[in-house]
Amino acid sequence: EEIATPRKESPRSSIPKGSVGIAGMQTGVYPIETPGGWQLIGRTPLTLFNPKKDSPSLLQAGDRIRFVSISETEYEAQNEVDEDEY
């Protein structure tokens, strides 16, 4: 409840993949570039969806995730590694 935030009045036409958003009392991560109306609070360098993989979703129902702050340098380094592996 402390960080609950309403959706945007007018959705954006394009949200970058990996964007972390909040709407109401929920947070979520946009796995692909898509329109959206959630307030953006961060971004992950991890590729969450890859249709070329046998299991295209990195996360599965019931998984627990924790958001941690990283530097821009760490973000770029992880993004390069993740693009190659997932």
PDB file of N, CA and C in Angstrom:
ATOM      1  N   GLU A   1       0.815  -1.200   0.000  1.00  0.00           N
ATOM      2  CA  GLU A   1       0.000   0.000   0.000  1.00  0.00           C
ATOM      3  C   GLU A   1       0.858   1.263   0.000  1.00  0.00           C
ATOM      4  N   GLU A   2       2.053   1.169   0.589  1.00  0.00           N
ATOM      5  CA  GLU A   2       2.906   2.358   0.683  1.00  0.00           C
ATOM      6  C   GLU A   2       3.347   2.882  -0.680  1.00  0.00           C
ATOM      7  N   ILE A   3       3.506   2.000  -1.650  1.00  0.00           N
ATOM      8  CA  ILE A   3       3.969   2.454  -2.961  1.00  0.00           C
ATOM      9  C   ILE A   3       2.898   2.300  -4.044  1.00  0.00           C
ATOM     10  N   ALA A   4       1.675   1.984  -3.678  1.00  0.00           N
ATOM     11  CA  ALA A   4       0.597   1.837  -4.659  1.00  0.00           C
ATOM     12  C   ALA A   4       0.490   3.112  -5.487  1.00  0.00           C
ATOM     13  N   THR A   5       0.369   2.932  -6.791  1.00  0.00           N
ATOM     14  CA  THR A   5       0.357   4.044  -7.727  1.00  0.00           C
ATOM     15  C   THR A   5      -0.682   3.779  -8.815  1.00  0.00           C
ATOM     16  N   PRO A   6      -1.513   4.758  -9.150  1.00  0.00           N
ATOM     17  CA  PRO A   6      -2.506   4.525 -10.203  1.00  0.00           C
ATOM     18  C   PRO A   6      -1.868   4.400 -11.585  1.00  0.00           C
ATOM     19  N   ARG A   7      -2.582   3.754 -12.488  1.00  0.00           N
ATOM     20  CA  ARG A   7      -2.136   3.678 -13.882  1.00  0.00           C
ATOM     21  C   ARG A   7      -2.081   5.085 -14.464  1.00  0.00           C
ATOM     22  N   LYS A   8      -1.333   5.223 -15.537  1.00  0.00           N
ATOM     23  CA  LYS A   8      -1.296   6.507 -16.246  1.00  0.00           C
ATOM     24  C   LYS A   8      -2.665   6.788 -16.857  1.00  0.00           C
ATOM     25  N   GLU A   9      -3.043   8.048 -16.937  1.00  0.00           N
ATOM     26  CA  GLU A   9      -4.320   8.404 -17.547  1.00  0.00           C
ATOM     27  C   GLU A   9      -4.325   8.064 -19.024  1.00  0.00           C
ATOM     28  N   SER A  10      -3.179   8.232 -19.675  1.00  0.00           N
ATOM     29  CA  SER A  10      -3.050   7.927 -21.094  1.00  0.00           C
ATOM     30  C   SER A  10      -1.854   6.989 -21.281  1.00  0.00           C
ATOM     31  N   PRO A  11      -2.078   5.770 -21.769  1.00  0.00           N
ATOM     32  CA  PRO A  11      -0.972   4.817 -21.924  1.00  0.00           C
ATOM     33  C   PRO A  11       0.072   5.291 -22.930  1.00  0.00           C
ATOM     34  N   ARG A  12       1.285   4.838 -22.744  1.00  0.00           N
ATOM     35  CA  ARG A  12       2.359   5.095 -23.713  1.00  0.00           C
ATOM     36  C   ARG A  12       2.160   4.159 -24.901  1.00  0.00           C
ATOM     37  N   SER A  13       2.586   4.577 -26.068  1.00  0.00           N
ATOM     38  CA  SER A  13       2.445   3.730 -27.253  1.00  0.00           C
ATOM     39  C   SER A  13       3.528   2.657 -27.308  1.00  0.00           C
ATOM     40  N   SER A  14       4.627   2.867 -26.587  1.00  0.00           N
ATOM     41  CA  SER A  14       5.702   1.878 -26.613  1.00  0.00           C
ATOM     42  C   SER A  14       6.478   1.891 -25.299  1.00  0.00           C
ATOM     43  N   ILE A  15       6.544   0.730 -24.664  1.00  0.00           N
ATOM     44  CA  ILE A  15       7.321   0.540 -23.443  1.00  0.00           C
ATOM     45  C   ILE A  15       8.468  -0.410 -23.805  1.00  0.00           C
ATOM     46  N   PRO A  16       9.730  -0.078 -23.490  1.00  0.00           N
ATOM     47  CA  PRO A  16      10.836  -0.982 -23.818  1.00  0.00           C
ATOM     48  C   PRO A  16      10.753  -2.302 -23.051  1.00  0.00           C
ATOM     49  N   LYS A  17      11.187  -3.389 -23.705  1.00  0.00           N
ATOM     50  CA  LYS A  17      11.210  -4.678 -23.017  1.00  0.00           C
ATOM     51  C   LYS A  17      12.082  -4.573 -21.777  1.00  0.00           C
ATOM     52  N   GLY A  18      11.694  -5.281 -20.740  1.00  0.00           N
ATOM     53  CA  GLY A  18      12.444  -5.269 -19.492  1.00  0.00           C
ATOM     54  C   GLY A  18      12.052  -4.158 -18.536  1.00  0.00           C
ATOM     55  N   SER A  19      11.139  -3.284 -18.955  1.00  0.00           N
ATOM     56  CA  SER A  19      10.706  -2.195 -18.072  1.00  0.00           C
ATOM     57  C   SER A  19       9.900  -2.760 -16.910  1.00  0.00           C
ATOM     58  N   VAL A  20      10.158  -2.228 -15.734  1.00  0.00           N
ATOM     59  CA  VAL A  20       9.437  -2.623 -14.528  1.00  0.00           C
ATOM     60  C   VAL A  20       8.400  -1.541 -14.258  1.00  0.00           C
ATOM     61  N   GLY A  21       7.150  -1.963 -14.096  1.00  0.00           N
ATOM     62  CA  GLY A  21       6.088  -1.003 -13.882  1.00  0.00           C
ATOM     63  C   GLY A  21       5.284  -1.314 -12.636  1.00  0.00           C
ATOM     64  N   ILE A  22       4.526  -0.318 -12.205  1.00  0.00           N
ATOM     65  CA  ILE A  22       3.640  -0.477 -11.055  1.00  0.00           C
ATOM     66  C   ILE A  22       2.296   0.135 -11.418  1.00  0.00           C
ATOM     67  N   ALA A  23       1.231  -0.563 -11.039  1.00  0.00           N
ATOM     68  CA  ALA A  23      -0.128  -0.061 -11.237  1.00  0.00           C
ATOM     69  C   ALA A  23      -0.955  -0.572 -10.065  1.00  0.00           C
ATOM     70  N   GLY A  24      -1.541   0.340  -9.335  1.00  0.00           N
ATOM     71  CA  GLY A  24      -2.268  -0.067  -8.138  1.00  0.00           C
ATOM     72  C   GLY A  24      -1.285  -0.676  -7.152  1.00  0.00           C
ATOM     73  N   MET A  25      -1.592  -1.876  -6.681  1.00  0.00           N
ATOM     74  CA  MET A  25      -0.727  -2.541  -5.711  1.00  0.00           C
ATOM     75  C   MET A  25       0.051  -3.695  -6.347  1.00  0.00           C
ATOM     76  N   GLN A  26       0.203  -3.659  -7.679  1.00  0.00           N
ATOM     77  CA  GLN A  26       0.925  -4.713  -8.389  1.00  0.00           C
ATOM     78  C   GLN A  26       2.139  -4.150  -9.108  1.00  0.00           C
ATOM     79  N   THR A  27       3.180  -4.963  -9.202  1.00  0.00           N
ATOM     80  CA  THR A  27       4.312  -4.628 -10.061  1.00  0.00           C
ATOM     81  C   THR A  27       4.414  -5.704 -11.124  1.00  0.00           C
ATOM     82  N   GLY A  28       5.014  -5.361 -12.220  1.00  0.00           N
ATOM     83  CA  GLY A  28       5.191  -6.318 -13.308  1.00  0.00           C
ATOM     84  C   GLY A  28       6.338  -5.884 -14.183  1.00  0.00           C
ATOM     85  N   VAL A  29       6.782  -6.801 -15.019  1.00  0.00           N
ATOM     86  CA  VAL A  29       7.875  -6.516 -15.945  1.00  0.00           C
ATOM     87  C   VAL A  29       7.357  -6.749 -17.360  1.00  0.00           C
ATOM     88  N   TYR A  30       7.572  -5.789 -18.231  1.00  0.00           N
ATOM     89  CA  TYR A  30       7.179  -5.931 -19.626  1.00  0.00           C
ATOM     90  C   TYR A  30       8.201  -6.842 -20.317  1.00  0.00           C
ATOM     91  N   PRO A  31       7.815  -8.066 -20.717  1.00  0.00           N
ATOM     92  CA  PRO A  31       8.775  -9.006 -21.296  1.00  0.00           C
ATOM     93  C   PRO A  31       9.150  -8.682 -22.738  1.00  0.00           C
ATOM     94  N   ILE A  32       8.305  -7.909 -23.432  1.00  0.00           N
ATOM     95  CA  ILE A  32       8.579  -7.496 -24.801  1.00  0.00           C
ATOM     96  C   ILE A  32       8.209  -6.025 -24.933  1.00  0.00           C
ATOM     97  N   GLU A  33       8.660  -5.385 -25.999  1.00  0.00           N
ATOM     98  CA  GLU A  33       8.259  -4.003 -26.253  1.00  0.00           C
ATOM     99  C   GLU A  33       6.776  -4.007 -26.608  1.00  0.00           C
ATOM    100  N   THR A  34       6.012  -3.170 -25.921  1.00  0.00           N
ATOM    101  CA  THR A  34       4.561  -3.172 -26.098  1.00  0.00           C
ATOM    102  C   THR A  34       3.981  -1.863 -25.565  1.00  0.00           C
ATOM    103  N   PRO A  35       2.772  -1.485 -25.971  1.00  0.00           N
ATOM    104  CA  PRO A  35       2.120  -0.340 -25.328  1.00  0.00           C
ATOM    105  C   PRO A  35       1.817  -0.667 -23.870  1.00  0.00           C
ATOM    106  N   GLY A  36       1.657   0.345 -23.050  1.00  0.00           N
ATOM    107  CA  GLY A  36       1.322   0.085 -21.655  1.00  0.00           C
ATOM    108  C   GLY A  36       0.997   1.342 -20.884  1.00  0.00           C
ATOM    109  N   GLY A  37       0.254   1.151 -19.804  1.00  0.00           N
ATOM    110  CA  GLY A  37      -0.186   2.295 -19.016  1.00  0.00           C
ATOM    111  C   GLY A  37       0.291   2.291 -17.578  1.00  0.00           C
ATOM    112  N   TRP A  38       1.212   1.386 -17.240  1.00  0.00           N
ATOM    113  CA  TRP A  38       1.710   1.352 -15.878  1.00  0.00           C
ATOM    114  C   TRP A  38       2.786   2.423 -15.695  1.00  0.00           C
ATOM    115  N   GLN A  39       2.957   2.872 -14.445  1.00  0.00           N
ATOM    116  CA  GLN A  39       4.034   3.808 -14.108  1.00  0.00           C
ATOM    117  C   GLN A  39       5.354   3.027 -14.114  1.00  0.00           C
ATOM    118  N   LEU A  40       6.367   3.533 -14.785  1.00  0.00           N
ATOM    119  CA  LEU A  40       7.645   2.820 -14.871  1.00  0.00           C
ATOM    120  C   LEU A  40       8.547   3.205 -13.713  1.00  0.00           C
ATOM    121  N   ILE A  41       9.140   2.182 -13.090  1.00  0.00           N
ATOM    122  CA  ILE A  41       9.984   2.419 -11.921  1.00  0.00           C
ATOM    123  C   ILE A  41      11.385   1.824 -12.073  1.00  0.00           C
ATOM    124  N   GLY A  42      11.650   1.180 -13.205  1.00  0.00           N
ATOM    125  CA  GLY A  42      12.978   0.597 -13.412  1.00  0.00           C
ATOM    126  C   GLY A  42      13.011  -0.255 -14.652  1.00  0.00           C
ATOM    127  N   ARG A  43      14.132  -0.962 -14.811  1.00  0.00           N
ATOM    128  CA  ARG A  43      14.298  -1.841 -15.967  1.00  0.00           C
ATOM    129  C   ARG A  43      15.253  -2.969 -15.618  1.00  0.00           C
ATOM    130  N   THR A  44      15.034  -4.141 -16.192  1.00  0.00           N
ATOM    131  CA  THR A  44      15.937  -5.264 -15.989  1.00  0.00           C
ATOM    132  C   THR A  44      16.707  -5.548 -17.278  1.00  0.00           C
ATOM    133  N   PRO A  45      17.977  -5.944 -17.160  1.00  0.00           N
ATOM    134  CA  PRO A  45      18.734  -6.304 -18.353  1.00  0.00           C
ATOM    135  C   PRO A  45      18.447  -7.722 -18.832  1.00  0.00           C
ATOM    136  N   LEU A  46      17.698  -8.492 -18.041  1.00  0.00           N
ATOM    137  CA  LEU A  46      17.438  -9.886 -18.393  1.00  0.00           C
ATOM    138  C   LEU A  46      16.403 -10.002 -19.507  1.00  0.00           C
ATOM    139  N   THR A  47      16.622 -10.935 -20.411  1.00  0.00           N
ATOM    140  CA  THR A  47      15.643 -11.234 -21.445  1.00  0.00           C
ATOM    141  C   THR A  47      14.620 -12.178 -20.830  1.00  0.00           C
ATOM    142  N   LEU A  48      13.382 -11.720 -20.711  1.00  0.00           N
ATOM    143  CA  LEU A  48      12.350 -12.505 -20.043  1.00  0.00           C
ATOM    144  C   LEU A  48      11.568 -13.390 -20.990  1.00  0.00           C
ATOM    145  N   PHE A  49      11.606 -13.088 -22.282  1.00  0.00           N
ATOM    146  CA  PHE A  49      10.862 -13.886 -23.252  1.00  0.00           C
ATOM    147  C   PHE A  49      11.689 -14.054 -24.511  1.00  0.00           C
ATOM    148  N   ASN A  50      11.881 -15.319 -24.927  1.00  0.00           N
ATOM    149  CA  ASN A  50      12.619 -15.630 -26.140  1.00  0.00           C
ATOM    150  C   ASN A  50      11.886 -16.772 -26.844  1.00  0.00           C
ATOM    151  N   PRO A  51      11.118 -16.451 -27.901  1.00  0.00           N
ATOM    152  CA  PRO A  51      10.314 -17.472 -28.570  1.00  0.00           C
ATOM    153  C   PRO A  51      11.136 -18.566 -29.248  1.00  0.00           C
ATOM    154  N   LYS A  52      12.445 -18.383 -29.365  1.00  0.00           N
ATOM    155  CA  LYS A  52      13.311 -19.389 -29.994  1.00  0.00           C
ATOM    156  C   LYS A  52      13.720 -20.498 -29.022  1.00  0.00           C
ATOM    157  N   LYS A  53      13.452 -20.325 -27.750  1.00  0.00           N
ATOM    158  CA  LYS A  53      13.834 -21.312 -26.736  1.00  0.00           C
ATOM    159  C   LYS A  53      12.718 -22.344 -26.535  1.00  0.00           C
ATOM    160  N   ASP A  54      13.095 -23.557 -26.095  1.00  0.00           N
ATOM    161  CA  ASP A  54      12.103 -24.593 -25.798  1.00  0.00           C
ATOM    162  C   ASP A  54      11.127 -24.118 -24.728  1.00  0.00           C
ATOM    163  N   SER A  55      11.648 -23.411 -23.737  1.00  0.00           N
ATOM    164  CA  SER A  55      10.822 -22.792 -22.703  1.00  0.00           C
ATOM    165  C   SER A  55      10.972 -21.283 -22.884  1.00  0.00           C
ATOM    166  N   PRO A  56      10.076 -20.636 -23.652  1.00  0.00           N
ATOM    167  CA  PRO A  56      10.284 -19.237 -24.040  1.00  0.00           C
ATOM    168  C   PRO A  56      10.250 -18.216 -22.912  1.00  0.00           C
ATOM    169  N   SER A  57       9.616 -18.554 -21.783  1.00  0.00           N
ATOM    170  CA  SER A  57       9.547 -17.612 -20.667  1.00  0.00           C
ATOM    171  C   SER A  57      10.606 -17.937 -19.624  1.00  0.00           C
ATOM    172  N   LEU A  58      11.402 -16.949 -19.267  1.00  0.00           N
ATOM    173  CA  LEU A  58      12.418 -17.136 -18.234  1.00  0.00           C
ATOM    174  C   LEU A  58      11.749 -17.396 -16.885  1.00  0.00           C
ATOM    175  N   LEU A  59      10.663 -16.702 -16.611  1.00  0.00           N
ATOM    176  CA  LEU A  59       9.958 -16.842 -15.339  1.00  0.00           C
ATOM    177  C   LEU A  59       8.741 -17.736 -15.508  1.00  0.00           C
ATOM    178  N   GLN A  60       8.436 -18.505 -14.489  1.00  0.00           N
ATOM    179  CA  GLN A  60       7.285 -19.400 -14.506  1.00  0.00           C
ATOM    180  C   GLN A  60       6.345 -19.040 -13.362  1.00  0.00           C
ATOM    181  N   ALA A  61       5.098 -19.463 -13.464  1.00  0.00           N
ATOM    182  CA  ALA A  61       4.115 -19.216 -12.400  1.00  0.00           C
ATOM    183  C   ALA A  61       4.663 -19.728 -11.076  1.00  0.00           C
ATOM    184  N   GLY A  62       4.553 -18.909 -10.053  1.00  0.00           N
ATOM    185  CA  GLY A  62       5.022 -19.289  -8.722  1.00  0.00           C
ATOM    186  C   GLY A  62       6.443 -18.845  -8.423  1.00  0.00           C
ATOM    187  N   ASP A  63       7.191 -18.416  -9.456  1.00  0.00           N
ATOM    188  CA  ASP A  63       8.549 -17.920  -9.211  1.00  0.00           C
ATOM    189  C   ASP A  63       8.488 -16.661  -8.352  1.00  0.00           C
ATOM    190  N   ARG A  64       9.464 -16.522  -7.500  1.00  0.00           N
ATOM    191  CA  ARG A  64       9.595 -15.294  -6.704  1.00  0.00           C
ATOM    192  C   ARG A  64      10.771 -14.520  -7.256  1.00  0.00           C
ATOM    193  N   ILE A  65      10.574 -13.226  -7.416  1.00  0.00           N
ATOM    194  CA  ILE A  65      11.661 -12.381  -7.904  1.00  0.00           C
ATOM    195  C   ILE A  65      11.878 -11.239  -6.926  1.00  0.00           C
ATOM    196  N   ARG A  66      13.084 -10.729  -6.947  1.00  0.00           N
ATOM    197  CA  ARG A  66      13.426  -9.601  -6.087  1.00  0.00           C
ATOM    198  C   ARG A  66      14.142  -8.579  -6.951  1.00  0.00           C
ATOM    199  N   PHE A  67      13.716  -7.347  -6.885  1.00  0.00           N
ATOM    200  CA  PHE A  67      14.333  -6.277  -7.636  1.00  0.00           C
ATOM    201  C   PHE A  67      15.467  -5.678  -6.813  1.00  0.00           C
ATOM    202  N   VAL A  68      16.637  -5.535  -7.413  1.00  0.00           N
ATOM    203  CA  VAL A  68      17.771  -4.901  -6.748  1.00  0.00           C
ATOM    204  C   VAL A  68      18.342  -3.827  -7.667  1.00  0.00           C
ATOM    205  N   SER A  69      18.861  -2.800  -7.071  1.00  0.00           N
ATOM    206  CA  SER A  69      19.446  -1.697  -7.816  1.00  0.00           C
ATOM    207  C   SER A  69      20.840  -2.083  -8.313  1.00  0.00           C
ATOM    208  N   ILE A  70      21.128  -1.800  -9.584  1.00  0.00           N
ATOM    209  CA  ILE A  70      22.467  -2.017 -10.141  1.00  0.00           C
ATOM    210  C   ILE A  70      22.883  -0.761 -10.886  1.00  0.00           C
ATOM    211  N   SER A  71      24.184  -0.623 -11.108  1.00  0.00           N
ATOM    212  CA  SER A  71      24.699   0.549 -11.820  1.00  0.00           C
ATOM    213  C   SER A  71      24.451   0.392 -13.320  1.00  0.00           C
ATOM    214  N   GLU A  72      24.585   1.471 -14.047  1.00  0.00           N
ATOM    215  CA  GLU A  72      24.435   1.421 -15.498  1.00  0.00           C
ATOM    216  C   GLU A  72      25.485   0.498 -16.117  1.00  0.00           C
ATOM    217  N   THR A  73      26.693   0.507 -15.563  1.00  0.00           N
ATOM    218  CA  THR A  73      27.757  -0.372 -16.047  1.00  0.00           C
ATOM    219  C   THR A  73      27.375  -1.839 -15.848  1.00  0.00           C
ATOM    220  N   GLU A  74      26.851  -2.172 -14.665  1.00  0.00           N
ATOM    221  CA  GLU A  74      26.402  -3.545 -14.399  1.00  0.00           C
ATOM    222  C   GLU A  74      25.249  -3.927 -15.322  1.00  0.00           C
ATOM    223  N   TYR A  75      24.340  -2.982 -15.552  1.00  0.00           N
ATOM    224  CA  TYR A  75      23.201  -3.228 -16.439  1.00  0.00           C
ATOM    225  C   TYR A  75      23.698  -3.591 -17.837  1.00  0.00           C
ATOM    226  N   GLU A  76      24.596  -2.781 -18.373  1.00  0.00           N
ATOM    227  CA  GLU A  76      25.109  -3.021 -19.727  1.00  0.00           C
ATOM    228  C   GLU A  76      25.852  -4.345 -19.809  1.00  0.00           C
ATOM    229  N   ALA A  77      26.667  -4.662 -18.810  1.00  0.00           N
ATOM    230  CA  ALA A  77      27.423  -5.917 -18.807  1.00  0.00           C
ATOM    231  C   ALA A  77      26.472  -7.115 -18.757  1.00  0.00           C
ATOM    232  N   GLN A  78      25.467  -7.060 -17.915  1.00  0.00           N
ATOM    233  CA  GLN A  78      24.512  -8.165 -17.802  1.00  0.00           C
ATOM    234  C   GLN A  78      23.678  -8.290 -19.065  1.00  0.00           C
ATOM    235  N   ASN A  79      23.314  -7.177 -19.655  1.00  0.00           N
ATOM    236  CA  ASN A  79      22.515  -7.172 -20.875  1.00  0.00           C
ATOM    237  C   ASN A  79      23.267  -7.874 -22.001  1.00  0.00           C
ATOM    238  N   GLU A  80      24.564  -7.617 -22.123  1.00  0.00           N
ATOM    239  CA  GLU A  80      25.377  -8.259 -23.156  1.00  0.00           C
ATOM    240  C   GLU A  80      25.454  -9.764 -22.934  1.00  0.00           C
ATOM    241  N   VAL A  81      25.662 -10.200 -21.714  1.00  0.00           N
ATOM    242  CA  VAL A  81      25.742 -11.622 -21.385  1.00  0.00           C
ATOM    243  C   VAL A  81      24.398 -12.286 -21.627  1.00  0.00           C
ATOM    244  N   ASP A  82      23.334 -11.672 -21.153  1.00  0.00           N
ATOM    245  CA  ASP A  82      22.011 -12.277 -21.239  1.00  0.00           C
ATOM    246  C   ASP A  82      21.543 -12.426 -22.689  1.00  0.00           C
ATOM    247  N   GLU A  83      21.822 -11.460 -23.543  1.00  0.00           N
ATOM    248  CA  GLU A  83      21.404 -11.547 -24.922  1.00  0.00           C
ATOM    249  C   GLU A  83      22.015 -12.771 -25.605  1.00  0.00           C
ATOM    250  N   ASP A  84      23.226 -13.127 -25.207  1.00  0.00           N
ATOM    251  CA  ASP A  84      23.901 -14.287 -25.799  1.00  0.00           C
ATOM    252  C   ASP A  84      23.378 -15.608 -25.241  1.00  0.00           C
ATOM    253  N   GLU A  85      22.997 -15.629 -23.975  1.00  0.00           N
ATOM    254  CA  GLU A  85      22.653 -16.883 -23.316  1.00  0.00           C
ATOM    255  C   GLU A  85      21.177 -17.212 -23.361  1.00  0.00           C
ATOM    256  N   TYR A  86      20.302 -16.226 -23.296  1.00  0.00           N
ATOM    257  CA  TYR A  86      18.889 -16.546 -23.263  1.00  0.00           C
ATOM    258  C   TYR A  86      18.243 -16.003 -24.464  1.00  0.00           C
TER     259      TYR A  86
END
